[in-house]
PDB file of N, CA and C in Angstrom:
ATOM      1  N   UNK A   1      24.452  -2.141 -22.273  1.00  0.00           N
ATOM      2  CA  UNK A   1      25.259  -2.017 -20.733  1.00  0.00           C
ATOM      3  C   UNK A   1      25.145  -0.228 -21.049  1.00  0.00           C
ATOM      4  N   UNK A   2      25.173   1.074 -20.244  1.00  0.00           N
ATOM      5  CA  UNK A   2      24.733   2.157 -20.924  1.00  0.00           C
ATOM      6  C   UNK A   2      26.846   2.281 -20.729  1.00  0.00           C
ATOM      7  N   UNK A   3      26.971   3.140 -21.803  1.00  0.00           N
ATOM      8  CA  UNK A   3      28.373   4.117 -22.163  1.00  0.00           C
ATOM      9  C   UNK A   3      29.600   4.524 -20.704  1.00  0.00           C
ATOM     10  N   UNK A   4      28.210   5.089 -20.189  1.00  0.00           N
ATOM     11  CA  UNK A   4      28.946   5.976 -18.852  1.00  0.00           C
ATOM     12  C   UNK A   4      28.114   5.952 -17.775  1.00  0.00           C
ATOM     13  N   UNK A   5      28.426   5.774 -16.646  1.00  0.00           N
ATOM     14  CA  UNK A   5      28.651   5.369 -16.135  1.00  0.00           C
ATOM     15  C   UNK A   5      28.768   6.723 -14.918  1.00  0.00           C
ATOM     16  N   UNK A   6      27.843   7.469 -14.342  1.00  0.00           N
ATOM     17  CA  UNK A   6      27.940   8.578 -13.240  1.00  0.00           C
ATOM     18  C   UNK A   6      28.668   7.638 -11.511  1.00  0.00           C
ATOM     19  N   UNK A   7      28.939   8.275 -11.042  1.00  0.00           N
ATOM     20  CA  UNK A   7      29.140   7.473  -9.826  1.00  0.00           C
ATOM     21  C   UNK A   7      28.979   9.888  -8.544  1.00  0.00           C
ATOM     22  N   UNK A   8      27.882   8.756  -7.979  1.00  0.00           N
ATOM     23  CA  UNK A   8      26.919   9.581  -7.226  1.00  0.00           C
ATOM     24  C   UNK A   8      27.418  10.270  -5.435  1.00  0.00           C
ATOM     25  N   UNK A   9      27.642  11.758  -5.496  1.00  0.00           N
ATOM     26  CA  UNK A   9      27.613  11.375  -4.090  1.00  0.00           C
ATOM     27  C   UNK A   9      26.768  11.982  -2.907  1.00  0.00           C
ATOM     28  N   UNK A  10      27.090  11.392  -1.933  1.00  0.00           N
ATOM     29  CA  UNK A  10      25.834  11.828  -1.307  1.00  0.00           C
ATOM     30  C   UNK A  10      26.027  13.761  -0.702  1.00  0.00           C
ATOM     31  N   UNK A  11      24.977  14.371  -0.856  1.00  0.00           N
ATOM     32  CA  UNK A  11      25.383  15.983  -0.951  1.00  0.00           C
ATOM     33  C   UNK A  11      25.558  16.215   1.217  1.00  0.00           C
ATOM     34  N   UNK A  12      25.058  15.704   2.313  1.00  0.00           N
ATOM     35  CA  UNK A  12      25.822  15.630   2.889  1.00  0.00           C
ATOM     36  C   UNK A  12      27.315  15.116   3.256  1.00  0.00           C
ATOM     37  N   UNK A  13      27.854  14.061   2.988  1.00  0.00           N
ATOM     38  CA  UNK A  13      28.753  13.104   3.785  1.00  0.00           C
ATOM     39  C   UNK A  13      29.481  13.475   2.469  1.00  0.00           C
ATOM     40  N   UNK A  14      29.577  13.545   1.545  1.00  0.00           N
ATOM     41  CA  UNK A  14      30.529  13.071  -0.485  1.00  0.00           C
ATOM     42  C   UNK A  14      30.987  12.182  -0.144  1.00  0.00           C
ATOM     43  N   UNK A  15      30.201  11.348   0.298  1.00  0.00           N
ATOM     44  CA  UNK A  15      30.839   9.756   0.241  1.00  0.00           C
ATOM     45  C   UNK A  15      29.787   9.156  -0.481  1.00  0.00           C
ATOM     46  N   UNK A  16      30.547   8.000  -1.095  1.00  0.00           N
ATOM     47  CA  UNK A  16      29.335   7.603  -3.110  1.00  0.00           C
ATOM     48  C   UNK A  16      28.184   6.663  -1.895  1.00  0.00           C
ATOM     49  N   UNK A  17      27.582   6.708  -2.368  1.00  0.00           N
ATOM     50  CA  UNK A  17      26.640   5.980  -2.998  1.00  0.00           C
ATOM     51  C   UNK A  17      26.102   4.785  -3.629  1.00  0.00           C
ATOM     52  N   UNK A  18      25.852   3.964  -2.366  1.00  0.00           N
ATOM     53  CA  UNK A  18      25.001   2.974  -3.423  1.00  0.00           C
ATOM     54  C   UNK A  18      23.959   2.130  -3.390  1.00  0.00           C
ATOM     55  N   UNK A  19      23.558   1.435  -4.540  1.00  0.00           N
ATOM     56  CA  UNK A  19      21.936   1.064  -3.945  1.00  0.00           C
ATOM     57  C   UNK A  19      22.135  -0.283  -4.007  1.00  0.00           C
ATOM     58  N   UNK A  20      21.584  -0.854  -3.086  1.00  0.00           N
ATOM     59  CA  UNK A  20      21.472  -2.778  -2.950  1.00  0.00           C
ATOM     60  C   UNK A  20      20.887  -3.457  -4.543  1.00  0.00           C
ATOM     61  N   UNK A  21      22.192  -4.469  -4.098  1.00  0.00           N
ATOM     62  CA  UNK A  21      22.988  -5.152  -5.395  1.00  0.00           C
ATOM     63  C   UNK A  21      21.071  -6.011  -5.822  1.00  0.00           C
ATOM     64  N   UNK A  22      20.441  -5.807  -5.150  1.00  0.00           N
ATOM     65  CA  UNK A  22      19.307  -6.406  -5.662  1.00  0.00           C
ATOM     66  C   UNK A  22      19.260  -8.833  -5.292  1.00  0.00           C
ATOM     67  N   UNK A  23      18.033  -9.042  -5.456  1.00  0.00           N
ATOM     68  CA  UNK A  23      17.965 -10.775  -5.490  1.00  0.00           C
ATOM     69  C   UNK A  23      19.047 -11.571  -6.101  1.00  0.00           C
ATOM     70  N   UNK A  24      18.455 -10.489  -7.552  1.00  0.00           N
ATOM     71  CA  UNK A  24      18.818 -11.517  -8.674  1.00  0.00           C
ATOM     72  C   UNK A  24      20.665 -11.604  -9.022  1.00  0.00           C
ATOM     73  N   UNK A  25      21.187 -10.131  -8.468  1.00  0.00           N
ATOM     74  CA  UNK A  25      22.551 -10.448  -8.568  1.00  0.00           C
ATOM     75  C   UNK A  25      22.897 -11.071  -7.195  1.00  0.00           C
ATOM     76  N   UNK A  26      23.098 -10.791  -6.023  1.00  0.00           N
ATOM     77  CA  UNK A  26      22.785 -11.136  -5.045  1.00  0.00           C
ATOM     78  C   UNK A  26      23.412 -13.098  -5.243  1.00  0.00           C
ATOM     79  N   UNK A  27      22.432 -13.737  -6.785  1.00  0.00           N
ATOM     80  CA  UNK A  27      21.892 -15.042  -6.282  1.00  0.00           C
ATOM     81  C   UNK A  27      22.966 -15.042  -7.312  1.00  0.00           C
ATOM     82  N   UNK A  28      23.181 -14.511  -7.671  1.00  0.00           N
ATOM     83  CA  UNK A  28      24.748 -14.749  -9.165  1.00  0.00           C
ATOM     84  C   UNK A  28      25.914 -14.766  -8.329  1.00  0.00           C
ATOM     85  N   UNK A  29      26.233 -14.145  -8.260  1.00  0.00           N
ATOM     86  CA  UNK A  29      27.486 -13.542  -6.896  1.00  0.00           C
ATOM     87  C   UNK A  29      27.589 -14.700  -6.088  1.00  0.00           C
ATOM     88  N   UNK A  30      26.298 -15.436  -5.062  1.00  0.00           N
ATOM     89  CA  UNK A  30      26.813 -17.125  -4.840  1.00  0.00           C
ATOM     90  C   UNK A  30      26.504 -18.381  -5.112  1.00  0.00           C
ATOM     91  N   UNK A  31      26.133 -17.954  -6.733  1.00  0.00           N
ATOM     92  CA  UNK A  31      26.878 -18.924  -8.031  1.00  0.00           C
ATOM     93  C   UNK A  31      28.144 -19.093  -7.649  1.00  0.00           C
ATOM     94  N   UNK A  32      28.813 -17.265  -8.293  1.00  0.00           N
ATOM     95  CA  UNK A  32      29.511 -18.163  -8.423  1.00  0.00           C
ATOM     96  C   UNK A  32      31.069 -18.214  -7.396  1.00  0.00           C
ATOM     97  N   UNK A  33      30.436 -17.980  -6.309  1.00  0.00           N
ATOM     98  CA  UNK A  33      31.565 -18.336  -5.036  1.00  0.00           C
ATOM     99  C   UNK A  33      30.862 -19.206  -4.357  1.00  0.00           C
ATOM    100  N   UNK A  34      30.375 -20.125  -5.146  1.00  0.00           N
ATOM    101  CA  UNK A  34      29.844 -21.757  -4.896  1.00  0.00           C
ATOM    102  C   UNK A  34      29.310 -21.498  -3.913  1.00  0.00           C
ATOM    103  N   UNK A  35      28.466 -20.460  -2.632  1.00  0.00           N
ATOM    104  CA  UNK A  35      27.698 -20.914  -1.877  1.00  0.00           C
ATOM    105  C   UNK A  35      26.254 -20.650  -2.298  1.00  0.00           C
ATOM    106  N   UNK A  36      25.509 -22.108  -1.057  1.00  0.00           N
ATOM    107  CA  UNK A  36      24.675 -22.318  -1.337  1.00  0.00           C
ATOM    108  C   UNK A  36      24.009 -22.150  -0.327  1.00  0.00           C
ATOM    109  N   UNK A  37      22.588 -22.675  -0.080  1.00  0.00           N
ATOM    110  CA  UNK A  37      21.821 -22.138   1.471  1.00  0.00           C
ATOM    111  C   UNK A  37      20.819 -23.151   1.176  1.00  0.00           C
ATOM    112  N   UNK A  38      21.494 -23.638   3.026  1.00  0.00           N
ATOM    113  CA  UNK A  38      19.965 -24.682   3.056  1.00  0.00           C
ATOM    114  C   UNK A  38      19.412 -24.998   2.881  1.00  0.00           C
ATOM    115  N   UNK A  39      17.993 -26.413   3.807  1.00  0.00           N
ATOM    116  CA  UNK A  39      16.336 -26.513   3.022  1.00  0.00           C
ATOM    117  C   UNK A  39      16.169 -25.060   3.623  1.00  0.00           C
ATOM    118  N   UNK A  40      16.298 -25.370   5.206  1.00  0.00           N
ATOM    119  CA  UNK A  40      15.757 -24.879   6.242  1.00  0.00           C
ATOM    120  C   UNK A  40      15.859 -23.001   6.122  1.00  0.00           C
ATOM    121  N   UNK A  41      16.779 -23.270   5.384  1.00  0.00           N
ATOM    122  CA  UNK A  41      17.128 -21.181   5.905  1.00  0.00           C
ATOM    123  C   UNK A  41      16.725 -21.252   4.530  1.00  0.00           C
ATOM    124  N   UNK A  42      16.082 -21.376   3.044  1.00  0.00           N
ATOM    125  CA  UNK A  42      15.094 -21.276   1.845  1.00  0.00           C
ATOM    126  C   UNK A  42      13.800 -20.947   2.012  1.00  0.00           C
ATOM    127  N   UNK A  43      13.587 -22.219   2.973  1.00  0.00           N
ATOM    128  CA  UNK A  43      12.478 -22.097   3.626  1.00  0.00           C
ATOM    129  C   UNK A  43      11.861 -20.704   4.504  1.00  0.00           C
ATOM    130  N   UNK A  44      13.221 -20.243   5.503  1.00  0.00           N
ATOM    131  CA  UNK A  44      12.358 -19.020   6.801  1.00  0.00           C
ATOM    132  C   UNK A  44      13.536 -17.761   6.305  1.00  0.00           C
ATOM    133  N   UNK A  45      13.448 -18.274   4.310  1.00  0.00           N
ATOM    134  CA  UNK A  45      13.275 -17.198   3.768  1.00  0.00           C
ATOM    135  C   UNK A  45      12.169 -16.889   2.979  1.00  0.00           C
ATOM    136  N   UNK A  46      11.270 -17.761   2.571  1.00  0.00           N
ATOM    137  CA  UNK A  46      10.485 -17.768   1.733  1.00  0.00           C
ATOM    138  C   UNK A  46       9.128 -17.521   2.584  1.00  0.00           C
ATOM    139  N   UNK A  47       8.992 -18.383   4.282  1.00  0.00           N
ATOM    140  CA  UNK A  47       8.215 -17.560   5.251  1.00  0.00           C
ATOM    141  C   UNK A  47       7.859 -16.096   4.666  1.00  0.00           C
ATOM    142  N   UNK A  48       9.528 -15.714   5.799  1.00  0.00           N
ATOM    143  CA  UNK A  48       9.335 -14.256   5.795  1.00  0.00           C
ATOM    144  C   UNK A  48       9.336 -13.253   4.222  1.00  0.00           C
ATOM    145  N   UNK A  49       9.667 -13.783   3.855  1.00  0.00           N
ATOM    146  CA  UNK A  49       9.240 -12.767   1.903  1.00  0.00           C
ATOM    147  C   UNK A  49       7.485 -13.303   1.990  1.00  0.00           C
ATOM    148  N   UNK A  50       6.946 -14.073   1.687  1.00  0.00           N
ATOM    149  CA  UNK A  50       5.906 -14.518   2.612  1.00  0.00           C
ATOM    150  C   UNK A  50       4.648 -13.289   3.233  1.00  0.00           C
ATOM    151  N   UNK A  51       5.334 -13.057   3.865  1.00  0.00           N
ATOM    152  CA  UNK A  51       4.961 -11.687   5.042  1.00  0.00           C
ATOM    153  C   UNK A  51       5.470 -10.455   5.278  1.00  0.00           C
ATOM    154  N   UNK A  52       5.989 -10.341   3.560  1.00  0.00           N
ATOM    155  CA  UNK A  52       6.087  -8.854   2.964  1.00  0.00           C
ATOM    156  C   UNK A  52       7.768  -8.250   4.254  1.00  0.00           C
ATOM    157  N   UNK A  53       8.756  -8.988   4.655  1.00  0.00           N
ATOM    158  CA  UNK A  53       9.683  -8.248   4.965  1.00  0.00           C
ATOM    159  C   UNK A  53      10.240  -7.910   3.898  1.00  0.00           C
ATOM    160  N   UNK A  54      11.663  -6.595   4.382  1.00  0.00           N
ATOM    161  CA  UNK A  54      12.316  -6.551   3.324  1.00  0.00           C
ATOM    162  C   UNK A  54      13.429  -6.055   3.986  1.00  0.00           C
ATOM    163  N   UNK A  55      14.895  -6.197   3.247  1.00  0.00           N
ATOM    164  CA  UNK A  55      16.142  -5.443   3.535  1.00  0.00           C
ATOM    165  C   UNK A  55      16.024  -6.090   5.281  1.00  0.00           C
ATOM    166  N   UNK A  56      15.904  -4.425   5.919  1.00  0.00           N
ATOM    167  CA  UNK A  56      16.649  -4.667   7.333  1.00  0.00           C
ATOM    168  C   UNK A  56      15.699  -5.822   8.167  1.00  0.00           C
ATOM    169  N   UNK A  57      14.841  -4.871   8.399  1.00  0.00           N
ATOM    170  CA  UNK A  57      13.532  -6.493   8.900  1.00  0.00           C
ATOM    171  C   UNK A  57      13.809  -7.585   8.487  1.00  0.00           C
ATOM    172  N   UNK A  58      14.360  -8.068   7.266  1.00  0.00           N
ATOM    173  CA  UNK A  58      14.656  -9.478   7.097  1.00  0.00           C
ATOM    174  C   UNK A  58      15.433 -10.201   7.101  1.00  0.00           C
ATOM    175  N   UNK A  59      16.776  -9.128   7.577  1.00  0.00           N
ATOM    176  CA  UNK A  59      18.277  -8.969   8.356  1.00  0.00           C
ATOM    177  C   UNK A  59      18.226  -9.871   9.020  1.00  0.00           C
ATOM    178  N   UNK A  60      17.587  -8.274  10.185  1.00  0.00           N
ATOM    179  CA  UNK A  60      17.247  -8.699  11.444  1.00  0.00           C
ATOM    180  C   UNK A  60      16.050  -9.948  12.599  1.00  0.00           C
ATOM    181  N   UNK A  61      15.576 -10.083  11.370  1.00  0.00           N
ATOM    182  CA  UNK A  61      14.956 -11.221  11.798  1.00  0.00           C
ATOM    183  C   UNK A  61      15.256 -13.167  11.522  1.00  0.00           C
ATOM    184  N   UNK A  62      15.955 -13.445  10.260  1.00  0.00           N
ATOM    185  CA  UNK A  62      16.985 -14.957  10.351  1.00  0.00           C
ATOM    186  C   UNK A  62      17.796 -14.547  11.130  1.00  0.00           C
ATOM    187  N   UNK A  63      19.051 -13.567  10.812  1.00  0.00           N
ATOM    188  CA  UNK A  63      19.410 -13.421  12.102  1.00  0.00           C
ATOM    189  C   UNK A  63      18.482 -13.899  13.247  1.00  0.00           C
ATOM    190  N   UNK A  64      18.456 -13.333  13.810  1.00  0.00           N
ATOM    191  CA  UNK A  64      17.204 -13.098  15.186  1.00  0.00           C
ATOM    192  C   UNK A  64      17.341 -14.894  15.666  1.00  0.00           C
ATOM    193  N   UNK A  65      16.791 -16.006  14.459  1.00  0.00           N
ATOM    194  CA  UNK A  65      15.964 -17.196  14.579  1.00  0.00           C
ATOM    195  C   UNK A  65      17.641 -17.555  14.462  1.00  0.00           C
ATOM    196  N   UNK A  66      19.241 -17.509  14.551  1.00  0.00           N
ATOM    197  CA  UNK A  66      20.250 -18.093  14.795  1.00  0.00           C
ATOM    198  C   UNK A  66      21.014 -18.102  15.853  1.00  0.00           C
ATOM    199  N   UNK A  67      20.382 -17.085  16.043  1.00  0.00           N
ATOM    200  CA  UNK A  67      22.062 -16.850  17.149  1.00  0.00           C
ATOM    201  C   UNK A  67      21.309 -17.439  18.312  1.00  0.00           C
ATOM    202  N   UNK A  68      22.363 -18.097  18.558  1.00  0.00           N
ATOM    203  CA  UNK A  68      21.630 -18.850  20.422  1.00  0.00           C
ATOM    204  C   UNK A  68      21.681 -17.995  21.587  1.00  0.00           C
ATOM    205  N   UNK A  69      20.710 -17.653  22.531  1.00  0.00           N
ATOM    206  CA  UNK A  69      20.517 -17.391  23.365  1.00  0.00           C
ATOM    207  C   UNK A  69      20.708 -18.192  24.765  1.00  0.00           C
ATOM    208  N   UNK A  70      21.564 -17.081  25.427  1.00  0.00           N
ATOM    209  CA  UNK A  70      22.262 -17.502  26.712  1.00  0.00           C
ATOM    210  C   UNK A  70      22.124 -17.861  27.689  1.00  0.00           C
ATOM    211  N   UNK A  71      21.694 -18.884  28.635  1.00  0.00           N
ATOM    212  CA  UNK A  71      19.791 -18.873  29.755  1.00  0.00           C
ATOM    213  C   UNK A  71      20.789 -18.336  30.753  1.00  0.00           C
ATOM    214  N   UNK A  72      20.667 -17.021  31.878  1.00  0.00           N
ATOM    215  CA  UNK A  72      20.998 -17.417  33.190  1.00  0.00           C
ATOM    216  C   UNK A  72      20.951 -18.506  34.131  1.00  0.00           C
TER     217      UNK A  72
END
């Protein structure tokens, strides 16, 4: 572990800049919180990551699958 960690700020906005956690750290947080993924969700995640989707594209596809559409 590094002794000193520098906090980065955006040059344009001055806000702190963070990096995404990543899959392994997110899994560790989920384990601590007791959150589990259903088999259906795990299969869907595997399918879309195998297709090469990452980040926002992956999130939007998965949330789109769970949203129920209102019928007219």
